[in-house]
Protein backbone atom coordinates (compact mmCIF):
# COMPACT_ATOMS: atom_id res chain seq x y z
CA MET A 1 119.60 120.79 130.35
CA ASN A 2 122.33 123.38 128.89
CA ILE A 3 119.41 125.95 128.21
CA LYS A 4 122.37 128.32 127.54
CA LYS A 5 123.65 126.52 124.21
CA TYR A 6 120.24 127.77 122.73
CA ILE A 7 120.09 130.60 123.34
CA PRO A 8 122.69 132.90 121.37
CA LYS A 9 124.72 135.59 122.85
CA GLU A 10 123.66 138.23 119.86
CA ILE A 11 120.42 138.05 120.97
CA VAL A 12 121.00 138.64 124.25
CA LEU A 13 123.17 141.60 123.50
CA ILE A 14 120.65 143.09 121.66
CA MET A 15 118.16 142.72 124.31
CA LEU A 16 119.77 144.29 126.34
CA LEU A 17 120.92 147.24 124.28
CA ALA A 18 116.88 147.55 123.32
CA LEU A 19 115.81 147.80 127.36
CA PHE A 20 118.49 149.93 128.00
CA LEU A 21 117.87 152.74 125.49
CA ASN A 22 113.76 152.29 126.45
CA ALA A 23 114.89 152.63 130.53
CA LEU A 24 117.47 155.29 129.61
CA ARG A 25 114.83 157.24 127.63
CA ILE A 26 112.73 157.19 130.90
CA VAL A 27 115.30 158.84 132.53
CA ILE A 28 116.74 161.44 130.33
CA PHE A 29 114.21 162.40 128.83
CA ASP A 30 111.64 161.81 131.16
CA SER A 31 109.31 160.49 128.67
CA ARG A 32 106.64 157.74 129.05
CA SER A 33 105.55 157.30 125.16
CA PHE A 34 107.57 154.21 124.11
CA VAL A 35 106.64 151.92 127.61
CA TRP A 36 104.69 149.73 125.34
CA LEU A 37 107.93 148.78 123.69
CA PHE A 38 108.35 146.90 126.42
CA TRP A 39 105.34 144.79 126.28
CA ASN A 40 106.24 144.06 121.87
CA LEU A 41 109.27 142.68 123.49
CA PHE A 42 107.96 140.09 125.76
CA LEU A 43 105.27 138.31 122.86
CA ALA A 44 108.39 138.62 120.36
CA VAL A 45 110.15 136.19 123.45
CA VAL A 46 107.59 134.37 123.66
CA PRO A 47 107.63 132.68 120.62
CA PHE A 48 111.54 131.92 120.40
CA VAL A 49 111.21 130.67 124.22
CA ILE A 50 108.70 128.38 122.84
CA SER A 51 111.00 126.85 119.72
CA SER A 52 113.96 126.06 121.93
CA PHE A 53 112.49 123.91 124.49
CA LEU A 54 110.51 122.06 121.63
CA LEU A 55 113.93 122.09 119.90
CA ILE A 56 116.08 121.04 123.44
CA TYR A 57 113.42 118.33 123.92
CA ASP A 58 113.36 117.15 120.10
CA ASP A 59 117.33 116.91 120.81
CA LYS A 60 117.17 114.48 123.97
CA ASN A 61 114.49 113.02 121.60
CA LYS A 62 111.64 113.94 124.18
CA LEU A 63 109.33 115.59 122.09
CA THR A 64 106.31 113.50 121.16
CA LYS A 65 104.03 114.57 118.17
CA THR A 66 101.13 115.47 120.60
CA SER A 67 103.25 117.90 121.96
CA PHE A 68 105.10 119.91 119.37
CA PHE A 69 101.93 119.86 117.07
CA PHE A 70 100.30 121.31 120.85
CA PHE A 71 102.90 123.57 121.73
CA GLY A 72 103.61 124.46 117.70
CA PHE A 73 100.27 125.63 116.88
CA PHE A 74 100.95 128.54 120.30
CA TRP A 75 104.38 129.27 118.57
CA LEU A 76 102.73 129.95 115.46
CA LEU A 77 99.98 131.90 117.12
CA PHE A 78 102.81 134.03 118.91
CA ILE A 79 105.84 134.01 115.91
CA PRO A 80 104.09 136.96 113.98
CA ASN A 81 105.22 138.99 116.80
CA ALA A 82 108.71 138.57 116.14
CA PRO A 83 109.13 140.34 113.03
CA TYR A 84 106.30 142.85 113.74
CA LEU A 85 108.47 144.96 115.96
CA VAL A 86 110.59 146.15 112.25
CA THR A 87 107.34 148.00 111.37
CA ASP A 88 107.44 150.00 114.83
CA LEU A 89 109.81 151.75 113.28
CA ILE A 90 107.17 153.95 112.13
CA HIS A 91 107.32 155.25 115.58
CA ILE A 92 110.28 157.13 114.46
CA GLY A 93 110.30 161.02 114.70
CA VAL A 94 106.76 161.10 116.07
CA VAL A 95 107.53 161.99 119.89
CA ARG A 96 109.15 165.80 119.42
CA SER A 97 110.24 165.83 122.55
CA VAL A 98 113.00 162.96 122.06
CA PRO A 99 115.77 163.65 119.89
CA VAL A 100 114.79 162.11 116.62
CA ILE A 101 118.29 160.38 115.93
CA TYR A 102 118.01 159.01 119.82
CA ASP A 103 114.52 157.01 119.24
CA SER A 104 115.95 155.46 115.52
CA PHE A 105 118.38 153.88 117.87
CA LEU A 106 116.00 152.57 120.26
CA LEU A 107 113.60 151.47 117.24
CA PHE A 108 116.31 149.80 115.57
CA SER A 109 117.64 148.18 118.36
CA VAL A 110 114.03 146.67 118.19
CA ALA A 111 114.05 145.81 115.41
CA TRP A 112 116.68 144.10 114.61
CA LEU A 113 116.35 142.36 117.86
CA GLY A 114 112.90 140.99 116.20
CA VAL A 115 114.49 140.21 112.75
CA TYR A 116 117.19 137.77 115.28
CA LEU A 117 114.69 136.12 117.62
CA GLY A 118 112.22 135.57 114.48
CA VAL A 119 115.05 133.98 111.95
CA TYR A 120 115.94 131.81 114.85
CA SER A 121 112.86 130.46 116.58
CA ILE A 122 112.04 129.33 112.61
CA ASN A 123 114.85 128.05 112.79
CA HIS A 124 113.72 126.01 115.10
CA ILE A 125 110.92 124.82 114.31
CA ASP A 126 112.96 123.73 110.40
CA GLN A 127 115.13 121.68 112.72
CA ILE A 128 112.84 119.69 114.08
CA LEU A 129 110.98 119.17 110.71
CA LYS A 130 114.03 118.19 108.86
CA LYS A 131 114.47 115.85 111.73
CA ARG A 132 111.29 114.36 111.79
CA TYR A 133 110.37 114.82 107.99
CA THR A 134 112.33 115.30 104.91
CA LYS A 135 114.06 118.76 103.91
CA LYS A 136 111.99 119.63 100.60
CA PHE A 137 109.63 118.76 103.31
CA SER A 138 110.87 121.25 105.60
CA GLU A 139 111.03 123.44 103.13
CA VAL A 140 107.66 123.80 101.66
CA VAL A 141 106.15 124.08 105.66
CA ILE A 142 108.62 126.84 106.57
CA PHE A 143 107.75 128.92 103.13
CA PHE A 144 104.00 128.73 104.12
CA ILE A 145 104.88 129.53 107.89
CA ILE A 146 106.60 132.49 106.61
CA LEU A 147 102.99 133.11 104.91
CA PHE A 148 101.78 132.95 107.45
CA ILE A 149 103.89 135.14 109.32
CA SER A 150 103.35 137.68 107.19
CA PHE A 151 99.43 137.17 106.96
CA GLY A 152 99.64 138.09 111.39
CA ILE A 153 102.08 141.13 110.76
CA TYR A 154 99.65 142.57 108.56
CA MET A 155 96.73 141.67 110.79
CA GLY A 156 98.45 143.27 114.29
CA ARG A 157 99.63 146.15 112.52
CA PHE A 158 96.85 147.34 110.00
CA LEU A 159 93.57 145.79 111.50
CA ARG A 160 95.05 145.61 115.52
CA PHE A 161 94.72 141.87 116.34
CA ASN A 162 96.56 140.18 118.83
CA SER A 163 97.98 136.71 119.19
CA TRP A 164 95.23 135.44 121.39
CA ASP A 165 92.45 136.99 119.68
CA ILE A 166 92.02 133.85 117.71
CA PHE A 167 89.76 132.53 121.14
CA LYS A 168 89.22 135.97 122.42
CA GLU A 169 87.16 137.62 119.11
CA PRO A 170 86.88 134.47 116.77
CA LEU A 171 84.21 136.30 115.46
CA SER A 172 85.21 139.74 115.10
CA LEU A 173 88.36 138.20 113.31
CA ILE A 174 87.42 136.29 111.00
CA LYS A 175 84.39 138.84 109.66
CA LYS A 176 87.51 141.35 109.32
CA THR A 177 89.43 139.01 107.91
CA HIS A 178 87.11 138.08 105.24
CA ILE A 179 85.88 141.72 104.19
CA THR A 180 89.51 142.57 104.02
CA PHE A 181 90.46 140.44 101.75
CA VAL A 182 87.82 139.78 100.04
CA TYR A 183 86.64 142.75 99.44
CA PRO A 184 89.59 144.90 99.91
CA LYS A 185 89.45 148.59 99.27
CA ASP A 186 93.11 148.77 97.51
CA TYR A 187 95.58 146.39 96.64
CA ASN A 188 97.51 147.48 99.21
CA THR A 189 96.89 144.57 101.69
CA TYR A 190 98.50 142.31 99.62
CA LEU A 191 101.19 144.60 98.45
CA TYR A 192 101.99 144.62 102.40
CA ILE A 193 101.59 140.87 102.97
CA ALA A 194 103.77 140.38 99.72
CA LEU A 195 106.24 143.09 101.27
CA PHE A 196 106.72 141.31 104.57
CA ALA A 197 106.68 137.97 102.79
CA ILE A 198 109.46 139.18 101.00
CA PHE A 199 111.41 140.73 103.54
CA VAL A 200 110.93 137.66 106.31
CA TYR A 201 112.25 135.14 103.69
CA ILE A 202 115.09 136.86 102.30
CA PHE A 203 116.52 137.22 105.93
CA TYR A 204 115.73 134.26 106.82
CA ARG A 205 117.03 132.69 104.10
CA SER A 206 120.47 135.00 104.32
CA PHE A 207 120.64 133.89 107.78
CA LYS A 208 120.76 130.47 107.19
CA TYR A 209 123.80 130.74 104.52
CA ILE A 210 125.61 132.58 107.12
CA LYS A 211 125.32 129.27 109.82
CA GLU A 212 125.78 127.12 107.70
CA ARG A 213 129.05 128.63 105.99
């Protein structure tokens, strides 16, 4: 199994850059305030790994419908963690003991990686859907997946839910989701979800255009 062919070099390079900058930050500035970024990066890699293996087995015609839907479900739970990294840009300038320009490079590399992991992973699922169904069907499904991703980013950033809370705290998740969307304090909820959706959709369409060219 040639796994290397499914792992883009640019993702490896950006990943190494993000890890290096965060590790160097600890050594040079003696600050561990962004150690949690390592965990966020791990969560962002999970959906990429899942979709990569799904694509590998699909290319070998070994991916059953049951396996696709089973692992696809977990992929759907974790995929918001990739573009979610873009929202970590809000931490630029928060830690005064580290130069703002340094944290800007670090957080931008993390956000950049999140976008790459996200669009590549979505494209993996897109390829599988096109092979099994039709191009039109795949486009519709991907559109709703992007809406779900936007919803997941909002839930993570503002309501502080994690991917596994659907199993750990299902009642709390349902209750807070119901209150947030049925009785919103303002329209910012819908605005942010719309912005996330537009952001992810445009980046994905741009990625597909460049890839097809």
